[in-house]
Amino acid sequence: MSGSFKLGHTVTAHKKTPDKKSARRGDPGEPRVRKRILGAAFAAFMEHGYSGASTLEIATRAKVSKRELYALVGTKQDMLVACIADRSAKMRWEGAEVPAVDDRESVARVLEAFGVRLLGEVSHPTVVSTFRLAIAEAKRAPQVARALDVQGRRVNRAPLREILDQASKAGLLSGDPDEMAEQFIALLWGDLFMALLLGIADRPKPAELTRRVRRAVSALLRLYPQK
Protein backbone atom coordinates (compact mmCIF):
# COMPACT_ATOMS: atom_id res chain seq x y z
CA MET A 1 0.00 0.00 0.00
CA SER A 2 1.26 3.45 -0.71
CA GLY A 3 2.59 5.03 2.44
CA SER A 4 2.37 1.76 4.36
CA PHE A 5 4.86 1.13 7.11
CA LYS A 6 6.83 -1.86 5.82
CA LEU A 7 8.12 -3.10 9.12
CA GLY A 8 10.40 -5.72 7.69
CA HIS A 9 12.41 -3.19 5.68
CA THR A 10 12.69 -0.06 7.80
CA VAL A 11 16.07 -0.57 9.43
CA THR A 12 18.40 2.10 8.05
CA ALA A 13 21.93 3.11 8.91
CA HIS A 14 22.47 6.10 11.16
CA LYS A 15 25.93 7.35 11.96
CA LYS A 16 25.00 8.95 15.26
CA THR A 17 22.89 7.47 18.06
CA PRO A 18 20.45 10.06 19.46
CA ASP A 19 21.37 11.54 22.80
CA LYS A 20 19.59 9.61 25.57
CA LYS A 21 18.62 12.71 27.53
CA SER A 22 17.15 14.47 24.52
CA ALA A 23 15.20 11.33 23.58
CA ARG A 24 13.63 11.28 27.05
CA ARG A 25 12.77 14.97 26.76
CA GLY A 26 10.84 14.50 23.53
CA ASP A 27 13.52 15.14 20.90
CA PRO A 28 12.00 15.90 17.45
CA GLY A 29 13.93 12.87 16.14
CA GLU A 30 12.23 10.54 18.62
CA PRO A 31 9.48 9.31 16.24
CA ARG A 32 12.15 8.41 13.66
CA VAL A 33 14.16 6.47 16.26
CA ARG A 34 11.01 4.71 17.49
CA LYS A 35 10.12 3.74 13.92
CA ARG A 36 13.62 2.33 13.48
CA ILE A 37 13.26 0.29 16.68
CA LEU A 38 9.96 -1.18 15.51
CA GLY A 39 11.46 -2.05 12.14
CA ALA A 40 14.35 -3.80 13.86
CA ALA A 41 11.98 -5.61 16.21
CA PHE A 42 9.80 -6.92 13.41
CA ALA A 43 12.83 -8.11 11.44
CA ALA A 44 14.11 -9.95 14.52
CA PHE A 45 10.70 -11.51 15.18
CA MET A 46 10.52 -12.78 11.62
CA GLU A 47 14.00 -14.28 11.83
CA HIS A 48 13.92 -15.84 15.29
CA GLY A 49 10.28 -15.91 16.36
CA TYR A 50 8.81 -13.82 19.15
CA SER A 51 10.35 -15.92 21.93
CA GLY A 52 13.76 -16.21 20.24
CA ALA A 53 14.25 -12.51 19.47
CA SER A 54 16.18 -10.75 22.24
CA THR A 55 15.88 -7.11 23.20
CA LEU A 56 19.68 -6.87 22.92
CA GLU A 57 19.58 -7.94 19.28
CA ILE A 58 16.71 -5.55 18.57
CA ALA A 59 18.61 -2.66 20.18
CA THR A 60 21.75 -3.57 18.21
CA ARG A 61 19.85 -3.71 14.91
CA ALA A 62 18.19 -0.36 15.66
CA LYS A 63 21.53 1.19 16.75
CA VAL A 64 20.18 2.29 20.12
CA SER A 65 20.92 1.35 23.71
CA LYS A 66 18.61 -1.02 25.60
CA ARG A 67 17.74 1.90 27.88
CA GLU A 68 16.53 3.93 24.87
CA LEU A 69 14.65 0.91 23.55
CA TYR A 70 12.69 0.53 26.79
CA ALA A 71 12.17 4.29 27.16
CA LEU A 72 10.83 4.82 23.63
CA VAL A 73 8.87 1.60 23.06
CA GLY A 74 8.88 -0.65 26.12
CA THR A 75 9.04 -4.41 26.46
CA LYS A 76 9.23 -6.92 23.64
CA GLN A 77 5.47 -7.44 23.80
CA ASP A 78 4.98 -3.66 23.71
CA MET A 79 7.04 -3.61 20.51
CA LEU A 80 4.85 -6.19 18.81
CA VAL A 81 1.65 -4.48 19.95
CA ALA A 82 3.02 -1.17 18.61
CA CYS A 83 3.80 -2.78 15.24
CA ILE A 84 0.27 -4.17 15.04
CA ALA A 85 -1.30 -0.89 16.17
CA ASP A 86 0.65 1.05 13.53
CA ARG A 87 -0.61 -1.20 10.76
CA SER A 88 -4.15 -1.16 12.16
CA ALA A 89 -4.22 2.65 12.22
CA LYS A 90 -3.68 2.74 8.45
CA MET A 91 -6.89 0.78 7.92
CA ARG A 92 -9.20 3.13 9.82
CA TRP A 93 -11.50 5.65 8.22
CA GLU A 94 -10.10 9.13 7.75
CA GLY A 95 -11.85 11.60 10.03
CA ALA A 96 -14.01 11.02 13.06
CA GLU A 97 -17.01 9.17 11.62
CA VAL A 98 -17.93 6.43 9.19
CA PRO A 99 -19.61 7.92 6.07
CA ALA A 100 -23.40 8.12 6.30
CA VAL A 101 -25.59 5.87 4.15
CA ASP A 102 -29.06 6.90 2.97
CA ASP A 103 -29.88 4.44 0.17
CA ARG A 104 -28.76 1.04 -1.11
CA GLU A 105 -26.36 2.63 -3.59
CA SER A 106 -24.56 4.52 -0.84
CA VAL A 107 -24.38 1.33 1.24
CA ALA A 108 -22.70 -0.40 -1.70
CA ARG A 109 -20.22 2.47 -2.20
CA VAL A 110 -19.22 2.62 1.46
CA LEU A 111 -18.88 -1.17 1.72
CA GLU A 112 -16.72 -1.21 -1.41
CA ALA A 113 -14.45 1.47 0.05
CA PHE A 114 -14.15 -0.48 3.29
CA GLY A 115 -13.57 -3.79 1.51
CA VAL A 116 -10.86 -2.46 -0.79
CA ARG A 117 -9.00 -0.94 2.14
CA LEU A 118 -9.35 -4.06 4.31
CA LEU A 119 -8.26 -6.54 1.63
CA GLY A 120 -5.44 -4.29 0.49
CA GLU A 121 -4.00 -3.88 3.98
CA VAL A 122 -4.51 -7.40 5.30
CA SER A 123 -3.05 -9.02 2.17
CA HIS A 124 0.11 -6.91 2.59
CA PRO A 125 3.11 -9.26 3.06
CA THR A 126 3.95 -7.63 6.40
CA VAL A 127 0.48 -8.36 7.78
CA VAL A 128 0.51 -11.93 6.47
CA SER A 129 3.91 -12.41 8.15
CA THR A 130 2.47 -11.05 11.41
CA PHE A 131 -0.33 -13.61 11.31
CA ARG A 132 2.18 -16.37 10.61
CA LEU A 133 4.20 -15.20 13.62
CA ALA A 134 1.12 -15.21 15.87
CA ILE A 135 0.24 -18.75 14.74
CA ALA A 136 3.80 -20.03 15.22
CA GLU A 137 4.02 -18.53 18.72
CA ALA A 138 0.44 -19.36 19.82
CA LYS A 139 1.50 -21.82 22.53
CA ARG A 140 4.70 -20.17 23.78
CA ALA A 141 3.47 -16.57 23.58
CA PRO A 142 -0.35 -16.42 23.42
CA GLN A 143 -0.18 -12.68 24.15
CA VAL A 144 1.00 -12.19 20.55
CA ALA A 145 -2.24 -13.65 19.17
CA ARG A 146 -4.29 -11.67 21.69
CA ALA A 147 -2.55 -8.44 20.69
CA LEU A 148 -3.16 -9.14 17.01
CA ASP A 149 -6.82 -9.92 17.67
CA VAL A 150 -7.49 -6.86 19.83
CA GLN A 151 -5.33 -4.28 18.04
CA GLY A 152 -5.88 -5.64 14.54
CA ARG A 153 -8.95 -7.72 13.81
CA ARG A 154 -11.42 -6.23 16.29
CA VAL A 155 -10.41 -2.60 15.87
CA ASN A 156 -10.61 -2.75 12.11
CA ARG A 157 -13.93 -4.57 11.96
CA ALA A 158 -15.62 -1.94 14.13
CA PRO A 159 -16.24 0.46 11.18
CA LEU A 160 -17.84 -2.36 9.19
CA ARG A 161 -20.22 -3.13 12.03
CA GLU A 162 -21.07 0.59 12.26
CA ILE A 163 -21.80 0.82 8.52
CA LEU A 164 -24.11 -2.19 8.68
CA ASP A 165 -25.80 -0.95 11.86
CA GLN A 166 -26.56 2.35 10.12
CA ALA A 167 -27.98 0.52 7.10
CA SER A 168 -30.08 -1.80 9.25
CA LYS A 169 -31.57 1.05 11.31
CA ALA A 170 -32.40 2.94 8.11
CA GLY A 171 -34.23 -0.11 6.75
CA LEU A 172 -31.73 -0.50 3.89
CA LEU A 173 -30.63 -4.01 4.93
CA SER A 174 -32.78 -6.62 6.68
CA GLY A 175 -30.30 -8.31 8.95
CA ASP A 176 -28.42 -8.25 12.25
CA PRO A 177 -25.28 -6.05 11.94
CA ASP A 178 -22.99 -8.62 13.60
CA GLU A 179 -24.27 -11.44 11.42
CA MET A 180 -23.98 -9.31 8.27
CA ALA A 181 -20.43 -8.24 9.19
CA GLU A 182 -19.36 -11.86 9.63
CA GLN A 183 -20.98 -12.81 6.34
CA PHE A 184 -19.35 -9.92 4.49
CA ILE A 185 -15.86 -10.81 5.76
CA ALA A 186 -16.42 -14.42 4.63
CA LEU A 187 -17.57 -13.25 1.19
CA LEU A 188 -14.58 -10.93 0.87
CA TRP A 189 -11.91 -13.47 1.68
CA GLY A 190 -13.20 -16.87 0.63
CA ASP A 191 -10.09 -19.05 0.92
CA LEU A 192 -7.69 -16.29 -0.16
CA PHE A 193 -6.21 -15.55 3.26
CA MET A 194 -5.46 -19.22 3.94
CA ALA A 195 -3.70 -19.40 0.57
CA LEU A 196 -1.67 -16.29 1.45
CA LEU A 197 -0.68 -17.80 4.80
CA LEU A 198 0.45 -20.97 3.05
CA GLY A 199 2.40 -18.99 0.48
CA ILE A 200 0.52 -20.53 -2.44
CA ALA A 201 -1.17 -17.31 -3.61
CA ASP A 202 0.12 -13.86 -4.46
CA ARG A 203 -1.29 -10.63 -3.10
CA PRO A 204 -4.18 -9.59 -5.38
CA LYS A 205 -3.46 -6.87 -7.92
CA PRO A 206 -5.66 -3.73 -7.53
CA ALA A 207 -8.03 -4.68 -10.37
CA GLU A 208 -8.50 -8.22 -9.03
CA LEU A 209 -8.97 -6.88 -5.52
CA THR A 210 -11.68 -4.45 -6.69
CA ARG A 211 -13.52 -7.22 -8.56
CA ARG A 212 -13.46 -9.44 -5.48
CA VAL A 213 -14.85 -6.66 -3.29
CA ARG A 214 -17.63 -5.79 -5.74
CA ARG A 215 -18.70 -9.44 -5.94
CA ALA A 216 -18.81 -9.61 -2.14
CA VAL A 217 -20.88 -6.41 -1.86
CA SER A 218 -23.30 -7.57 -4.54
CA ALA A 219 -23.73 -10.95 -2.82
CA LEU A 220 -24.34 -9.32 0.57
CA LEU A 221 -27.03 -7.00 -0.83
CA ARG A 222 -28.78 -10.01 -2.37
CA LEU A 223 -28.63 -11.91 0.91
CA TYR A 224 -30.03 -8.99 2.94
CA PRO A 225 -32.69 -7.12 0.94
CA GLN A 226 -34.26 -3.82 1.93
CA LYS A 227 -36.80 -4.02 4.77
C-alpha atoms as a PDB file:
ATOM      1  CA  MET A   1       0.000   0.000   0.000  1.00  0.00           C
ATOM      2  CA  SER A   2       1.261   3.454  -0.709  1.00  0.00           C
ATOM      3  CA  GLY A   3       2.586   5.028   2.444  1.00  0.00           C
ATOM      4  CA  SER A   4       2.370   1.762   4.357  1.00  0.00           C
ATOM      5  CA  PHE A   5       4.857   1.125   7.110  1.00  0.00           C
ATOM      6  CA  LYS A   6       6.826  -1.856   5.817  1.00  0.00           C
ATOM      7  CA  LEU A   7       8.120  -3.104   9.124  1.00  0.00           C
ATOM      8  CA  GLY A   8      10.404  -5.722   7.694  1.00  0.00           C
ATOM      9  CA  HIS A   9      12.413  -3.186   5.685  1.00  0.00           C
ATOM     10  CA  THR A  10      12.686  -0.059   7.798  1.00  0.00           C
ATOM     11  CA  VAL A  11      16.070  -0.568   9.432  1.00  0.00           C
ATOM     12  CA  THR A  12      18.404   2.100   8.053  1.00  0.00           C
ATOM     13  CA  ALA A  13      21.931   3.106   8.905  1.00  0.00           C
ATOM     14  CA  HIS A  14      22.466   6.101  11.162  1.00  0.00           C
ATOM     15  CA  LYS A  15      25.925   7.350  11.959  1.00  0.00           C
ATOM     16  CA  LYS A  16      24.996   8.946  15.260  1.00  0.00           C
ATOM     17  CA  THR A  17      22.885   7.467  18.057  1.00  0.00           C
ATOM     18  CA  PRO A  18      20.452  10.058  19.456  1.00  0.00           C
ATOM     19  CA  ASP A  19      21.365  11.539  22.799  1.00  0.00           C
ATOM     20  CA  LYS A  20      19.586   9.613  25.570  1.00  0.00           C
ATOM     21  CA  LYS A  21      18.622  12.705  27.529  1.00  0.00           C
ATOM     22  CA  SER A  22      17.153  14.467  24.520  1.00  0.00           C
ATOM     23  CA  ALA A  23      15.198  11.325  23.580  1.00  0.00           C
ATOM     24  CA  ARG A  24      13.630  11.277  27.047  1.00  0.00           C
ATOM     25  CA  ARG A  25      12.769  14.972  26.764  1.00  0.00           C
ATOM     26  CA  GLY A  26      10.839  14.497  23.531  1.00  0.00           C
ATOM     27  CA  ASP A  27      13.524  15.142  20.900  1.00  0.00           C
ATOM     28  CA  PRO A  28      12.003  15.896  17.452  1.00  0.00           C
ATOM     29  CA  GLY A  29      13.927  12.871  16.141  1.00  0.00           C
ATOM     30  CA  GLU A  30      12.234  10.535  18.621  1.00  0.00           C
ATOM     31  CA  PRO A  31       9.476   9.307  16.236  1.00  0.00           C
ATOM     32  CA  ARG A  32      12.146   8.411  13.662  1.00  0.00           C
ATOM     33  CA  VAL A  33      14.156   6.467  16.255  1.00  0.00           C
ATOM     34  CA  ARG A  34      11.007   4.712  17.488  1.00  0.00           C
ATOM     35  CA  LYS A  35      10.122   3.736  13.918  1.00  0.00           C
ATOM     36  CA  ARG A  36      13.625   2.330  13.484  1.00  0.00           C
ATOM     37  CA  ILE A  37      13.261   0.290  16.679  1.00  0.00           C
ATOM     38  CA  LEU A  38       9.960  -1.179  15.507  1.00  0.00           C
ATOM     39  CA  GLY A  39      11.460  -2.048  12.135  1.00  0.00           C
ATOM     40  CA  ALA A  40      14.355  -3.801  13.858  1.00  0.00           C
ATOM     41  CA  ALA A  41      11.981  -5.609  16.210  1.00  0.00           C
ATOM     42  CA  PHE A  42       9.799  -6.922  13.414  1.00  0.00           C
ATOM     43  CA  ALA A  43      12.828  -8.110  11.437  1.00  0.00           C
ATOM     44  CA  ALA A  44      14.114  -9.953  14.517  1.00  0.00           C
ATOM     45  CA  PHE A  45      10.700 -11.511  15.184  1.00  0.00           C
ATOM     46  CA  MET A  46      10.522 -12.784  11.616  1.00  0.00           C
ATOM     47  CA  GLU A  47      14.001 -14.284  11.834  1.00  0.00           C
ATOM     48  CA  HIS A  48      13.922 -15.842  15.291  1.00  0.00           C
ATOM     49  CA  GLY A  49      10.279 -15.906  16.363  1.00  0.00           C
ATOM     50  CA  TYR A  50       8.805 -13.818  19.150  1.00  0.00           C
ATOM     51  CA  SER A  51      10.351 -15.920  21.928  1.00  0.00           C
ATOM     52  CA  GLY A  52      13.756 -16.208  20.238  1.00  0.00           C
ATOM     53  CA  ALA A  53      14.245 -12.510  19.473  1.00  0.00           C
ATOM     54  CA  SER A  54      16.181 -10.755  22.241  1.00  0.00           C
ATOM     55  CA  THR A  55      15.883  -7.108  23.201  1.00  0.00           C
ATOM     56  CA  LEU A  56      19.679  -6.867  22.918  1.00  0.00           C
ATOM     57  CA  GLU A  57      19.578  -7.943  19.282  1.00  0.00           C
ATOM     58  CA  ILE A  58      16.708  -5.550  18.567  1.00  0.00           C
ATOM     59  CA  ALA A  59      18.608  -2.663  20.175  1.00  0.00           C
ATOM     60  CA  THR A  60      21.747  -3.567  18.209  1.00  0.00           C
ATOM     61  CA  ARG A  61      19.853  -3.708  14.909  1.00  0.00           C
ATOM     62  CA  ALA A  62      18.192  -0.361  15.663  1.00  0.00           C
ATOM     63  CA  LYS A  63      21.526   1.188  16.747  1.00  0.00           C
ATOM     64  CA  VAL A  64      20.178   2.293  20.117  1.00  0.00           C
ATOM     65  CA  SER A  65      20.918   1.348  23.715  1.00  0.00           C
ATOM     66  CA  LYS A  66      18.614  -1.018  25.602  1.00  0.00           C
ATOM     67  CA  ARG A  67      17.739   1.903  27.877  1.00  0.00           C
ATOM     68  CA  GLU A  68      16.529   3.933  24.869  1.00  0.00           C
ATOM     69  CA  LEU A  69      14.654   0.914  23.550  1.00  0.00           C
ATOM     70  CA  TYR A  70      12.695   0.531  26.790  1.00  0.00           C
ATOM     71  CA  ALA A  71      12.170   4.294  27.164  1.00  0.00           C
ATOM     72  CA  LEU A  72      10.826   4.817  23.631  1.00  0.00           C
ATOM     73  CA  VAL A  73       8.875   1.597  23.057  1.00  0.00           C
ATOM     74  CA  GLY A  74       8.876  -0.650  26.122  1.00  0.00           C
ATOM     75  CA  THR A  75       9.045  -4.414  26.462  1.00  0.00           C
ATOM     76  CA  LYS A  76       9.226  -6.924  23.642  1.00  0.00           C
ATOM     77  CA  GLN A  77       5.471  -7.439  23.799  1.00  0.00           C
ATOM     78  CA  ASP A  78       4.985  -3.659  23.705  1.00  0.00           C
ATOM     79  CA  MET A  79       7.040  -3.607  20.508  1.00  0.00           C
ATOM     80  CA  LEU A  80       4.851  -6.192  18.810  1.00  0.00           C
ATOM     81  CA  VAL A  81       1.653  -4.484  19.946  1.00  0.00           C
ATOM     82  CA  ALA A  82       3.018  -1.169  18.607  1.00  0.00           C
ATOM     83  CA  CYS A  83       3.803  -2.781  15.240  1.00  0.00           C
ATOM     84  CA  ILE A  84       0.269  -4.170  15.040  1.00  0.00           C
ATOM     85  CA  ALA A  85      -1.302  -0.891  16.170  1.00  0.00           C
ATOM     86  CA  ASP A  86       0.652   1.047  13.530  1.00  0.00           C
ATOM     87  CA  ARG A  87      -0.614  -1.203  10.761  1.00  0.00           C
ATOM     88  CA  SER A  88      -4.154  -1.158  12.165  1.00  0.00           C
ATOM     89  CA  ALA A  89      -4.223   2.651  12.219  1.00  0.00           C
ATOM     90  CA  LYS A  90      -3.682   2.741   8.455  1.00  0.00           C
ATOM     91  CA  MET A  91      -6.893   0.780   7.918  1.00  0.00           C
ATOM     92  CA  ARG A  92      -9.201   3.128   9.819  1.00  0.00           C
ATOM     93  CA  TRP A  93     -11.500   5.648   8.221  1.00  0.00           C
ATOM     94  CA  GLU A  94     -10.101   9.132   7.750  1.00  0.00           C
ATOM     95  CA  GLY A  95     -11.851  11.605  10.027  1.00  0.00           C
ATOM     96  CA  ALA A  96     -14.008  11.023  13.060  1.00  0.00           C
ATOM     97  CA  GLU A  97     -17.008   9.174  11.621  1.00  0.00           C
ATOM     98  CA  VAL A  98     -17.927   6.433   9.190  1.00  0.00           C
ATOM     99  CA  PRO A  99     -19.610   7.921   6.068  1.00  0.00           C
ATOM    100  CA  ALA A 100     -23.403   8.123   6.305  1.00  0.00           C
ATOM    101  CA  VAL A 101     -25.588   5.870   4.153  1.00  0.00           C
ATOM    102  CA  ASP A 102     -29.057   6.903   2.970  1.00  0.00           C
ATOM    103  CA  ASP A 103     -29.882   4.444   0.174  1.00  0.00           C
ATOM    104  CA  ARG A 104     -28.762   1.039  -1.114  1.00  0.00           C
ATOM    105  CA  GLU A 105     -26.362   2.633  -3.593  1.00  0.00           C
ATOM    106  CA  SER A 106     -24.564   4.524  -0.837  1.00  0.00           C
ATOM    107  CA  VAL A 107     -24.379   1.331   1.241  1.00  0.00           C
ATOM    108  CA  ALA A 108     -22.695  -0.395  -1.699  1.00  0.00           C
ATOM    109  CA  ARG A 109     -20.219   2.471  -2.202  1.00  0.00           C
ATOM    110  CA  VAL A 110     -19.216   2.620   1.463  1.00  0.00           C
ATOM    111  CA  LEU A 111     -18.884  -1.171   1.718  1.00  0.00           C
ATOM    112  CA  GLU A 112     -16.716  -1.207  -1.410  1.00  0.00           C
ATOM    113  CA  ALA A 113     -14.446   1.473   0.046  1.00  0.00           C
ATOM    114  CA  PHE A 114     -14.149  -0.485   3.292  1.00  0.00           C
ATOM    115  CA  GLY A 115     -13.569  -3.791   1.515  1.00  0.00           C
ATOM    116  CA  VAL A 116     -10.864  -2.459  -0.792  1.00  0.00           C
ATOM    117  CA  ARG A 117      -9.002  -0.944   2.139  1.00  0.00           C
ATOM    118  CA  LEU A 118      -9.355  -4.061   4.309  1.00  0.00           C
ATOM    119  CA  LEU A 119      -8.258  -6.536   1.632  1.00  0.00           C
ATOM    120  CA  GLY A 120      -5.438  -4.291   0.486  1.00  0.00           C
ATOM    121  CA  GLU A 121      -4.003  -3.884   3.977  1.00  0.00           C
ATOM    122  CA  VAL A 122      -4.508  -7.404   5.304  1.00  0.00           C
ATOM    123  CA  SER A 123      -3.055  -9.023   2.172  1.00  0.00           C
ATOM    124  CA  HIS A 124       0.108  -6.914   2.589  1.00  0.00           C
ATOM    125  CA  PRO A 125       3.115  -9.258   3.055  1.00  0.00           C
ATOM    126  CA  THR A 126       3.946  -7.633   6.405  1.00  0.00           C
ATOM    127  CA  VAL A 127       0.476  -8.361   7.775  1.00  0.00           C
ATOM    128  CA  VAL A 128       0.509 -11.931   6.466  1.00  0.00           C
ATOM    129  CA  SER A 129       3.910 -12.409   8.148  1.00  0.00           C
ATOM    130  CA  THR A 130       2.468 -11.045  11.405  1.00  0.00           C
ATOM    131  CA  PHE A 131      -0.333 -13.606  11.315  1.00  0.00           C
ATOM    132  CA  ARG A 132       2.178 -16.373  10.613  1.00  0.00           C
ATOM    133  CA  LEU A 133       4.199 -15.197  13.617  1.00  0.00           C
ATOM    134  CA  ALA A 134       1.124 -15.214  15.866  1.00  0.00           C
ATOM    135  CA  ILE A 135       0.243 -18.750  14.737  1.00  0.00           C
ATOM    136  CA  ALA A 136       3.799 -20.027  15.219  1.00  0.00           C
ATOM    137  CA  GLU A 137       4.018 -18.533  18.719  1.00  0.00           C
ATOM    138  CA  ALA A 138       0.439 -19.361  19.816  1.00  0.00           C
ATOM    139  CA  LYS A 139       1.503 -21.822  22.535  1.00  0.00           C
ATOM    140  CA  ARG A 140       4.698 -20.171  23.776  1.00  0.00           C
ATOM    141  CA  ALA A 141       3.470 -16.569  23.577  1.00  0.00           C
ATOM    142  CA  PRO A 142      -0.351 -16.419  23.419  1.00  0.00           C
ATOM    143  CA  GLN A 143      -0.178 -12.676  24.148  1.00  0.00           C
ATOM    144  CA  VAL A 144       0.998 -12.192  20.555  1.00  0.00           C
ATOM    145  CA  ALA A 145      -2.241 -13.653  19.169  1.00  0.00           C
ATOM    146  CA  ARG A 146      -4.289 -11.673  21.692  1.00  0.00           C
ATOM    147  CA  ALA A 147      -2.554  -8.436  20.694  1.00  0.00           C
ATOM    148  CA  LEU A 148      -3.164  -9.144  17.009  1.00  0.00           C
ATOM    149  CA  ASP A 149      -6.823  -9.925  17.668  1.00  0.00           C
ATOM    150  CA  VAL A 150      -7.495  -6.857  19.831  1.00  0.00           C
ATOM    151  CA  GLN A 151      -5.332  -4.279  18.037  1.00  0.00           C
ATOM    152  CA  GLY A 152      -5.883  -5.639  14.537  1.00  0.00           C
ATOM    153  CA  ARG A 153      -8.949  -7.722  13.807  1.00  0.00           C
ATOM    154  CA  ARG A 154     -11.421  -6.229  16.286  1.00  0.00           C
ATOM    155  CA  VAL A 155     -10.410  -2.597  15.874  1.00  0.00           C
ATOM    156  CA  ASN A 156     -10.611  -2.751  12.109  1.00  0.00           C
ATOM    157  CA  ARG A 157     -13.929  -4.574  11.964  1.00  0.00           C
ATOM    158  CA  ALA A 158     -15.618  -1.937  14.128  1.00  0.00           C
ATOM    159  CA  PRO A 159     -16.237   0.464  11.181  1.00  0.00           C
ATOM    160  CA  LEU A 160     -17.835  -2.363   9.187  1.00  0.00           C
ATOM    161  CA  ARG A 161     -20.215  -3.133  12.031  1.00  0.00           C
ATOM    162  CA  GLU A 162     -21.073   0.592  12.263  1.00  0.00           C
ATOM    163  CA  ILE A 163     -21.804   0.822   8.516  1.00  0.00           C
ATOM    164  CA  LEU A 164     -24.113  -2.187   8.676  1.00  0.00           C
ATOM    165  CA  ASP A 165     -25.796  -0.954  11.856  1.00  0.00           C
ATOM    166  CA  GLN A 166     -26.564   2.350  10.116  1.00  0.00           C
ATOM    167  CA  ALA A 167     -27.977   0.518   7.100  1.00  0.00           C
ATOM    168  CA  SER A 168     -30.082  -1.803   9.249  1.00  0.00           C
ATOM    169  CA  LYS A 169     -31.572   1.049  11.312  1.00  0.00           C
ATOM    170  CA  ALA A 170     -32.405   2.941   8.109  1.00  0.00           C
ATOM    171  CA  GLY A 171     -34.235  -0.109   6.748  1.00  0.00           C
ATOM    172  CA  LEU A 172     -31.730  -0.502   3.891  1.00  0.00           C
ATOM    173  CA  LEU A 173     -30.632  -4.011   4.934  1.00  0.00           C
ATOM    174  CA  SER A 174     -32.782  -6.619   6.684  1.00  0.00           C
ATOM    175  CA  GLY A 175     -30.298  -8.313   8.950  1.00  0.00           C
ATOM    176  CA  ASP A 176     -28.419  -8.251  12.248  1.00  0.00           C
ATOM    177  CA  PRO A 177     -25.283  -6.048  11.941  1.00  0.00           C
ATOM    178  CA  ASP A 178     -22.992  -8.617  13.604  1.00  0.00           C
ATOM    179  CA  GLU A 179     -24.266 -11.440  11.420  1.00  0.00           C
ATOM    180  CA  MET A 180     -23.979  -9.306   8.273  1.00  0.00           C
ATOM    181  CA  ALA A 181     -20.425  -8.243   9.192  1.00  0.00           C
ATOM    182  CA  GLU A 182     -19.358 -11.863   9.627  1.00  0.00           C
ATOM    183  CA  GLN A 183     -20.984 -12.809   6.340  1.00  0.00           C
ATOM    184  CA  PHE A 184     -19.349  -9.915   4.487  1.00  0.00           C
ATOM    185  CA  ILE A 185     -15.862 -10.807   5.760  1.00  0.00           C
ATOM    186  CA  ALA A 186     -16.419 -14.416   4.633  1.00  0.00           C
ATOM    187  CA  LEU A 187     -17.571 -13.254   1.194  1.00  0.00           C
ATOM    188  CA  LEU A 188     -14.584 -10.930   0.866  1.00  0.00           C
ATOM    189  CA  TRP A 189     -11.914 -13.472   1.679  1.00  0.00           C
ATOM    190  CA  GLY A 190     -13.202 -16.873   0.631  1.00  0.00           C
ATOM    191  CA  ASP A 191     -10.095 -19.050   0.917  1.00  0.00           C
ATOM    192  CA  LEU A 192      -7.688 -16.289  -0.161  1.00  0.00           C
ATOM    193  CA  PHE A 193      -6.207 -15.550   3.258  1.00  0.00           C
ATOM    194  CA  MET A 194      -5.462 -19.223   3.938  1.00  0.00           C
ATOM    195  CA  ALA A 195      -3.705 -19.399   0.567  1.00  0.00           C
ATOM    196  CA  LEU A 196      -1.672 -16.286   1.449  1.00  0.00           C
ATOM    197  CA  LEU A 197      -0.675 -17.797   4.803  1.00  0.00           C
ATOM    198  CA  LEU A 198       0.452 -20.974   3.049  1.00  0.00           C
ATOM    199  CA  GLY A 199       2.396 -18.986   0.481  1.00  0.00           C
ATOM    200  CA  ILE A 200       0.525 -20.532  -2.441  1.00  0.00           C
ATOM    201  CA  ALA A 201      -1.166 -17.305  -3.610  1.00  0.00           C
ATOM    202  CA  ASP A 202       0.123 -13.856  -4.460  1.00  0.00           C
ATOM    203  CA  ARG A 203      -1.285 -10.632  -3.101  1.00  0.00           C
ATOM    204  CA  PRO A 204      -4.180  -9.585  -5.384  1.00  0.00           C
ATOM    205  CA  LYS A 205      -3.462  -6.871  -7.919  1.00  0.00           C
ATOM    206  CA  PRO A 206      -5.659  -3.730  -7.531  1.00  0.00           C
ATOM    207  CA  ALA A 207      -8.034  -4.684 -10.370  1.00  0.00           C
ATOM    208  CA  GLU A 208      -8.496  -8.225  -9.026  1.00  0.00           C
ATOM    209  CA  LEU A 209      -8.970  -6.876  -5.519  1.00  0.00           C
ATOM    210  CA  THR A 210     -11.680  -4.446  -6.687  1.00  0.00           C
ATOM    211  CA  ARG A 211     -13.520  -7.223  -8.563  1.00  0.00           C
ATOM    212  CA  ARG A 212     -13.461  -9.443  -5.483  1.00  0.00           C
ATOM    213  CA  VAL A 213     -14.849  -6.658  -3.291  1.00  0.00           C
ATOM    214  CA  ARG A 214     -17.635  -5.788  -5.735  1.00  0.00           C
ATOM    215  CA  ARG A 215     -18.699  -9.437  -5.938  1.00  0.00           C
ATOM    216  CA  ALA A 216     -18.810  -9.613  -2.138  1.00  0.00           C
ATOM    217  CA  VAL A 217     -20.876  -6.414  -1.857  1.00  0.00           C
ATOM    218  CA  SER A 218     -23.305  -7.571  -4.537  1.00  0.00           C
ATOM    219  CA  ALA A 219     -23.734 -10.955  -2.820  1.00  0.00           C
ATOM    220  CA  LEU A 220     -24.341  -9.316   0.568  1.00  0.00           C
ATOM    221  CA  LEU A 221     -27.028  -7.002  -0.833  1.00  0.00           C
ATOM    222  CA  ARG A 222     -28.777 -10.006  -2.373  1.00  0.00           C
ATOM    223  CA  LEU A 223     -28.631 -11.908   0.914  1.00  0.00           C
ATOM    224  CA  TYR A 224     -30.029  -8.993   2.936  1.00  0.00           C
ATOM    225  CA  PRO A 225     -32.692  -7.118   0.941  1.00  0.00           C
ATOM    226  CA  GLN A 226     -34.265  -3.819   1.931  1.00  0.00           C
ATOM    227  CA  LYS A 227     -36.798  -4.018   4.767  1.00  0.00           C
END
